Amino acid sequence: MNQPFPATARHLRRLSRSPVIDVFILVALGAGIGTIFVSGSQGIGYNWQWYRIPRYLWSIDAGDLVAGPLLYGLLVTLQLSAYSLVLALAIGLTTAVLRLSASPLASLLARIYVEGVRNTPLLIQIFFIYFVLGPLLGIDRLPAAILSLSLFEGAYIGEILRSGILAVPHQQVEASYSLGLGTYATYRKVILPQAFRTALPPLASQTISLVKDSALVSTIAIYDLTMHAQAIIAETFLTFEVWLTVAALYLVITISLSLAAGVLERRLKLP
């Protein structure tokens, strides 16, 4: 007697793994969201003008491709995020080492910093550094923005790296000391390479959060992507088109970072 059910089950499993279904779901989801936007805009009498958006991305002047205000703002966002990430990594690594220090005072100070930063809004920290510390210490708006993002993200990175350091087997640390390696050499050659490998996925997520959080610096008149978008909307009233374009640009950045982190994680994975 024939039993077609196992073959049917295998066929369904192959079908469930097919990318065609994912593409269909994605297209259906996009169509549904588009329908909601179109019907909602018609209800409020909004007139879509997508043809005006390309000029704010790029233009051609004397045969040369010139970046528009949105791409220029995107460049500022990327530069701001890159500088903040480098400083945040340094702050986070220092914080992680201090948290694990044998000195009670160093550990206490690092804990106060982490808890204070993580339990207050980033927007308040930006305002405090720019409007309070800025006039006192002579900090301009761009350094204030970089410092605010670095301190905020550094607190989270510190906890991520601390977890990565604690995940390194203690026997390896003892073996390093028994071979004559000092504390600095042990951290540099044994502990930190393994800690960074373990902490790579959450570090990638924190980097993506940094890029998204950088939009808040527009509140202190940093002409990043968000600030340029607000200026364009105030001039043209292209509210939906501009914000959807900005969201798409941020999405491209975050997806690119996620893919790059995945490739790096596979390369660093132990065989």
Protein backbone atom coordinates (compact mmCIF):
# COMPACT_ATOMS: atom_id res chain seq x y z
CA MET A 1 0.00 0.00 0.00
CA ASN A 2 1.37 3.37 -1.02
CA GLN A 3 1.97 5.93 1.71
CA PRO A 4 2.27 9.36 0.09
CA PHE A 5 2.30 11.23 3.36
CA PRO A 6 6.08 11.12 4.03
CA ALA A 7 6.79 12.38 0.50
CA THR A 8 4.17 15.08 0.95
CA ALA A 9 5.74 16.08 4.26
CA ARG A 10 9.17 16.32 2.65
CA HIS A 11 7.68 18.41 -0.16
CA LEU A 12 6.07 20.76 2.36
CA ARG A 13 9.35 21.09 4.24
CA ARG A 14 11.16 21.99 1.01
CA LEU A 15 8.40 24.43 0.17
CA SER A 16 8.61 26.03 3.62
CA ARG A 17 12.33 26.61 3.11
CA SER A 18 11.82 28.12 -0.32
CA PRO A 19 12.72 31.82 -0.57
CA VAL A 20 9.72 32.30 -2.86
CA ILE A 21 7.41 32.25 0.15
CA ASP A 22 9.53 34.84 1.97
CA VAL A 23 9.51 37.09 -1.09
CA PHE A 24 5.76 36.71 -1.42
CA ILE A 25 5.23 37.58 2.25
CA LEU A 26 7.53 40.59 1.93
CA VAL A 27 5.73 41.85 -1.18
CA ALA A 28 2.34 41.33 0.44
CA LEU A 29 3.47 43.15 3.58
CA GLY A 30 4.85 46.05 1.54
CA ALA A 31 1.65 46.24 -0.49
CA GLY A 32 -0.41 46.29 2.68
CA ILE A 33 1.64 49.06 4.24
CA GLY A 34 1.54 51.03 0.99
CA THR A 35 -2.23 50.67 0.82
CA ILE A 36 -2.55 51.99 4.37
CA PHE A 37 -0.37 55.01 3.56
CA VAL A 38 -2.21 55.77 0.31
CA SER A 39 -5.67 55.44 1.80
CA GLY A 40 -4.69 57.45 4.86
CA SER A 41 -3.16 60.24 2.78
CA GLN A 42 -6.25 60.40 0.59
CA GLY A 43 -8.36 60.73 3.69
CA ILE A 44 -6.50 63.88 4.74
CA GLY A 45 -6.18 65.19 1.18
CA TYR A 46 -2.40 64.72 0.93
CA ASN A 47 -0.87 65.01 -2.54
CA TRP A 48 2.14 62.73 -3.03
CA GLN A 49 5.05 64.35 -4.90
CA TRP A 50 7.79 61.77 -5.06
CA TYR A 51 9.23 63.36 -8.21
CA ARG A 52 10.59 66.20 -6.06
CA ILE A 53 12.64 63.95 -3.76
CA PRO A 54 15.64 63.08 -6.04
CA ARG A 55 16.83 66.70 -6.11
CA TYR A 56 17.34 66.51 -2.33
CA LEU A 57 19.45 63.37 -2.72
CA TRP A 58 21.65 64.38 -5.63
CA SER A 59 21.85 66.78 -8.55
CA ILE A 60 23.97 67.17 -11.68
CA ASP A 61 25.96 70.39 -12.00
CA ALA A 62 28.11 70.89 -15.11
CA GLY A 63 28.15 67.15 -15.69
CA ASP A 64 29.24 66.38 -12.11
CA LEU A 65 27.13 64.49 -9.59
CA VAL A 66 26.59 66.70 -6.53
CA ALA A 67 25.25 65.39 -3.23
CA GLY A 68 22.00 66.92 -2.10
CA PRO A 69 21.16 67.98 1.45
CA LEU A 70 19.90 64.52 2.46
CA LEU A 71 23.06 62.75 1.30
CA TYR A 72 25.18 65.48 2.88
CA GLY A 73 23.28 64.98 6.14
CA LEU A 74 23.78 61.23 5.80
CA LEU A 75 27.54 61.81 5.52
CA VAL A 76 27.47 63.92 8.70
CA THR A 77 25.53 61.17 10.47
CA LEU A 78 28.07 58.54 9.42
CA GLN A 79 31.03 60.69 10.49
CA LEU A 80 29.40 61.51 13.81
CA SER A 81 28.60 57.84 14.42
CA ALA A 82 32.12 56.72 13.50
CA TYR A 83 33.83 59.19 15.85
CA SER A 84 31.39 58.36 18.63
CA LEU A 85 31.88 54.61 18.15
CA VAL A 86 35.67 54.83 18.45
CA LEU A 87 35.43 56.91 21.63
CA ALA A 88 32.63 54.72 23.01
CA LEU A 89 34.77 51.59 22.51
CA ALA A 90 37.63 53.21 24.43
CA ILE A 91 35.28 54.32 27.22
CA GLY A 92 33.57 50.93 27.30
CA LEU A 93 36.85 49.00 27.49
CA THR A 94 38.13 51.25 30.28
CA THR A 95 34.85 50.87 32.15
CA ALA A 96 34.88 47.08 31.82
CA VAL A 97 38.44 46.85 33.16
CA LEU A 98 37.60 49.17 36.06
CA ARG A 99 34.48 47.17 36.90
CA LEU A 100 36.65 44.04 37.17
CA SER A 101 39.43 45.85 39.01
CA ALA A 102 40.53 44.70 42.46
CA SER A 103 40.28 48.30 43.62
CA PRO A 104 36.90 48.92 45.33
CA LEU A 105 37.04 52.64 44.50
CA ALA A 106 37.67 52.07 40.77
CA SER A 107 34.91 49.47 40.60
CA LEU A 108 32.50 51.77 42.46
CA LEU A 109 33.21 54.76 40.20
CA ALA A 110 32.72 52.65 37.08
CA ARG A 111 29.46 51.25 38.45
CA ILE A 112 28.17 54.74 39.30
CA TYR A 113 28.96 55.88 35.76
CA VAL A 114 27.23 52.88 34.17
CA GLU A 115 24.12 53.08 36.31
CA GLY A 116 23.89 56.86 36.00
CA VAL A 117 24.13 56.85 32.22
CA ARG A 118 21.93 53.82 31.59
CA ASN A 119 19.13 55.11 33.80
CA THR A 120 18.81 58.61 32.34
CA PRO A 121 17.49 59.53 28.86
CA LEU A 122 20.05 60.24 26.14
CA LEU A 123 18.23 63.45 25.20
CA ILE A 124 18.68 64.80 28.74
CA GLN A 125 22.36 63.91 28.64
CA ILE A 126 22.78 65.77 25.33
CA PHE A 127 21.09 68.86 26.78
CA PHE A 128 23.16 68.66 29.98
CA ILE A 129 26.49 68.38 28.16
CA TYR A 130 25.69 71.08 25.60
CA PHE A 131 23.73 73.62 27.66
CA VAL A 132 25.42 73.11 31.06
CA LEU A 133 28.93 71.75 30.53
CA GLY A 134 29.32 73.42 27.14
CA PRO A 135 29.40 77.02 28.39
CA LEU A 136 31.48 76.03 31.44
CA LEU A 137 34.12 74.04 29.54
CA GLY A 138 33.89 75.73 26.15
CA ILE A 139 32.50 72.67 24.35
CA ASP A 140 31.00 73.39 20.94
CA ARG A 141 27.90 71.59 19.65
CA LEU A 142 29.70 68.96 17.54
CA PRO A 143 32.11 67.84 20.30
CA ALA A 144 29.16 67.93 22.71
CA ALA A 145 27.19 65.62 20.43
CA ILE A 146 30.11 63.18 20.04
CA LEU A 147 30.79 63.21 23.79
CA SER A 148 27.13 62.62 24.63
CA LEU A 149 26.78 59.67 22.27
CA SER A 150 30.12 58.22 23.36
CA LEU A 151 29.34 58.37 27.06
CA PHE A 152 25.87 56.93 26.55
CA GLU A 153 26.91 54.05 24.31
CA GLY A 154 30.14 53.51 26.26
CA ALA A 155 28.17 52.52 29.35
CA TYR A 156 26.40 49.75 27.43
CA ILE A 157 29.57 48.68 25.63
CA GLY A 158 31.34 48.49 28.98
CA GLU A 159 28.82 45.95 30.26
CA ILE A 160 29.01 44.00 27.01
CA LEU A 161 32.80 43.79 27.17
CA ARG A 162 32.71 42.94 30.88
CA SER A 163 30.48 39.97 30.08
CA GLY A 164 32.84 38.95 27.29
CA ILE A 165 35.85 39.13 29.60
CA LEU A 166 34.08 37.07 32.27
CA ALA A 167 33.28 34.43 29.63
CA VAL A 168 37.00 33.73 29.11
CA PRO A 169 37.91 30.57 31.06
CA HIS A 170 39.86 31.42 34.19
CA GLN A 171 42.26 28.57 33.51
CA GLN A 172 43.59 30.42 30.47
CA VAL A 173 44.31 33.48 32.59
CA GLU A 174 46.15 31.39 35.15
CA ALA A 175 48.11 29.67 32.38
CA SER A 176 49.13 33.06 30.97
CA TYR A 177 50.45 34.20 34.33
CA SER A 178 52.26 30.89 34.80
CA LEU A 179 54.01 31.42 31.45
CA GLY A 180 55.34 34.74 32.69
CA LEU A 181 52.91 37.10 30.96
CA GLY A 182 52.04 40.25 32.85
CA THR A 183 48.57 41.68 33.27
CA TYR A 184 48.79 43.92 30.19
CA ALA A 185 50.10 41.14 27.96
CA THR A 186 47.49 38.72 29.28
CA TYR A 187 44.68 41.13 28.45
CA ARG A 188 46.11 41.99 25.03
CA LYS A 189 47.03 38.48 23.86
CA VAL A 190 44.63 36.18 25.70
CA ILE A 191 41.60 37.85 27.24
CA LEU A 192 40.56 40.65 24.89
CA PRO A 193 40.72 38.69 21.58
CA GLN A 194 38.35 36.07 23.01
CA ALA A 195 36.20 38.67 24.75
CA PHE A 196 35.70 40.66 21.56
CA ARG A 197 34.84 37.49 19.64
CA THR A 198 32.20 36.60 22.23
CA ALA A 199 30.86 40.15 22.46
CA LEU A 200 30.72 40.79 18.70
CA PRO A 201 26.94 40.21 18.21
CA PRO A 202 25.84 42.56 21.01
CA LEU A 203 28.52 45.06 19.95
CA ALA A 204 27.05 45.06 16.45
CA SER A 205 23.58 45.68 17.89
CA GLN A 206 24.95 48.54 19.99
CA THR A 207 26.61 50.07 16.93
CA ILE A 208 23.28 50.01 15.12
CA SER A 209 21.67 51.65 18.16
CA LEU A 210 24.36 54.32 18.05
CA VAL A 211 23.53 55.18 14.44
CA LYS A 212 19.83 55.44 15.27
CA ASP A 213 20.43 57.40 18.49
CA SER A 214 22.54 59.92 16.56
CA ALA A 215 19.29 61.38 15.19
CA LEU A 216 18.77 63.04 18.60
CA VAL A 217 21.73 65.40 18.07
CA SER A 218 19.53 67.38 15.69
CA THR A 219 17.98 68.88 18.84
CA ILE A 220 21.16 70.95 19.33
CA ALA A 221 21.27 72.09 15.69
CA ILE A 222 23.68 69.50 14.33
CA TYR A 223 22.89 69.34 10.62
CA ASP A 224 22.77 65.59 10.33
CA LEU A 225 20.31 63.59 8.24
CA THR A 226 17.37 64.28 10.57
CA MET A 227 18.06 68.01 10.80
CA HIS A 228 18.29 68.36 7.02
CA ALA A 229 15.02 66.45 6.69
CA GLN A 230 13.31 68.85 9.08
CA ALA A 231 14.62 71.83 7.12
CA ILE A 232 13.38 70.38 3.81
CA ILE A 233 9.95 69.64 5.27
CA ALA A 234 9.67 73.16 6.65
CA GLU A 235 10.41 74.52 3.18
CA THR A 236 8.47 72.11 0.96
CA PHE A 237 5.83 70.45 3.21
CA LEU A 238 6.80 67.06 1.72
CA THR A 239 6.29 65.41 5.09
CA PHE A 240 5.55 61.82 4.09
CA GLU A 241 8.01 61.62 1.22
CA VAL A 242 10.96 63.07 3.14
CA TRP A 243 10.47 61.02 6.31
CA LEU A 244 9.99 57.80 4.33
CA THR A 245 13.18 58.57 2.40
CA VAL A 246 15.07 59.25 5.64
CA ALA A 247 13.75 56.02 7.14
CA ALA A 248 14.92 54.13 4.04
CA LEU A 249 18.41 55.65 4.32
CA TYR A 250 18.68 54.67 7.98
CA LEU A 251 17.43 51.19 7.07
CA VAL A 252 20.13 50.80 4.42
CA ILE A 253 22.80 51.76 6.96
CA THR A 254 21.57 49.44 9.71
CA ILE A 255 21.08 46.46 7.38
CA SER A 256 24.57 47.01 5.93
CA LEU A 257 26.03 47.03 9.44
CA SER A 258 24.14 43.86 10.34
CA LEU A 259 25.43 42.07 7.23
CA ALA A 260 28.99 43.24 7.86
CA ALA A 261 28.79 42.07 11.47
CA GLY A 262 27.51 38.68 10.32
CA VAL A 263 30.39 38.26 7.89
CA LEU A 264 32.91 39.29 10.56
CA GLU A 265 31.36 36.92 13.09
CA ARG A 266 31.64 33.99 10.67
CA ARG A 267 35.29 34.85 9.96
CA LEU A 268 36.13 35.01 13.68
CA LYS A 269 34.26 31.84 14.57
CA LEU A 270 36.52 29.13 15.81
CA PRO A 271 36.74 26.05 13.53
